[in-house]
C-alpha atoms as a PDB file:
ATOM      1  CA  MET A   1       9.461  -7.123 -18.611  1.00  0.00           C
ATOM      2  CA  GLY A   2       9.607  -6.584 -14.910  1.00  0.00           C
ATOM      3  CA  ALA A   3       8.544  -4.407 -12.038  1.00  0.00           C
ATOM      4  CA  VAL A   4       9.080  -0.684 -12.251  1.00  0.00           C
ATOM      5  CA  CYS A   5       9.498   1.273  -9.033  1.00  0.00           C
ATOM      6  CA  ILE A   6       8.049   4.767  -8.916  1.00  0.00           C
ATOM      7  CA  PRO A   7       8.081   7.252  -6.045  1.00  0.00           C
ATOM      8  CA  LEU A   8       4.917   7.475  -3.957  1.00  0.00           C
ATOM      9  CA  SER A   9       5.317  11.217  -3.499  1.00  0.00           C
ATOM     10  CA  ASP A  10       3.964  12.359  -6.859  1.00  0.00           C
ATOM     11  CA  PRO A  11       1.050  12.560  -7.108  1.00  0.00           C
ATOM     12  CA  PRO A  12       0.512  12.823  -3.363  1.00  0.00           C
ATOM     13  CA  ILE A  13      -1.927  10.469  -1.667  1.00  0.00           C
ATOM     14  CA  GLU A  14      -4.927  12.625  -0.770  1.00  0.00           C
ATOM     15  CA  LYS A  15      -7.503  10.064   0.323  1.00  0.00           C
ATOM     16  CA  CYS A  16      -7.490   7.137   2.701  1.00  0.00           C
ATOM     17  CA  VAL A  17      -6.947   3.786   1.077  1.00  0.00           C
ATOM     18  CA  GLY A  18      -7.768   0.357   2.362  1.00  0.00           C
ATOM     19  CA  ALA A  19      -7.721  -3.292   1.502  1.00  0.00           C
ATOM     20  CA  ILE A  20     -10.359  -5.983   1.686  1.00  0.00           C
ATOM     21  CA  HIS A  21      -9.188  -9.505   2.358  1.00  0.00           C
ATOM     22  CA  ALA A  22     -10.404 -12.734   3.866  1.00  0.00           C
ATOM     23  CA  GLY A  23      -9.907 -12.274   7.599  1.00  0.00           C
ATOM     24  CA  HIS A  24      -8.932 -15.893   8.120  1.00  0.00           C
ATOM     25  CA  LEU A  25      -6.071 -15.651   5.615  1.00  0.00           C
ATOM     26  CA  PRO A  26      -3.004 -13.469   6.120  1.00  0.00           C
ATOM     27  CA  LEU A  27      -1.987 -10.974   3.458  1.00  0.00           C
ATOM     28  CA  SER A  28       0.952 -11.900   1.281  1.00  0.00           C
ATOM     29  CA  LYS A  29       4.260 -10.344   2.291  1.00  0.00           C
ATOM     30  CA  ALA A  30       4.084  -8.086  -0.770  1.00  0.00           C
ATOM     31  CA  ALA A  31       0.550  -6.902   0.025  1.00  0.00           C
ATOM     32  CA  GLN A  32       1.439  -6.269   3.671  1.00  0.00           C
ATOM     33  CA  ALA A  33       4.559  -4.332   2.661  1.00  0.00           C
ATOM     34  CA  LEU A  34       2.486  -2.181   0.290  1.00  0.00           C
ATOM     35  CA  LEU A  35      -0.061  -1.385   3.001  1.00  0.00           C
ATOM     36  CA  ASP A  36       2.691  -0.578   5.500  1.00  0.00           C
ATOM     37  CA  THR A  37       4.284   1.762   2.962  1.00  0.00           C
ATOM     38  CA  LEU A  38       0.992   3.486   2.188  1.00  0.00           C
ATOM     39  CA  LYS A  39       0.239   3.955   5.892  1.00  0.00           C
ATOM     40  CA  GLY A  40       3.433   5.988   6.183  1.00  0.00           C
ATOM     41  CA  PHE A  41       2.077   8.521   3.677  1.00  0.00           C
ATOM     42  CA  LEU A  42      -1.383   9.010   5.185  1.00  0.00           C
ATOM     43  CA  PRO A  43      -2.049  12.134   7.243  1.00  0.00           C
ATOM     44  CA  THR A  44      -2.499  11.534  10.958  1.00  0.00           C
END
């Protein structure tokens, strides 16, 4: 078993997404990378 990468283009992201986390703790590098990637797909 392992991670499977899939494209984020299908189905397209149609709604804003967000994350809730403890403000005094930083996100993990993986979580931050995911949010940065998702931000690139959101309409401006």
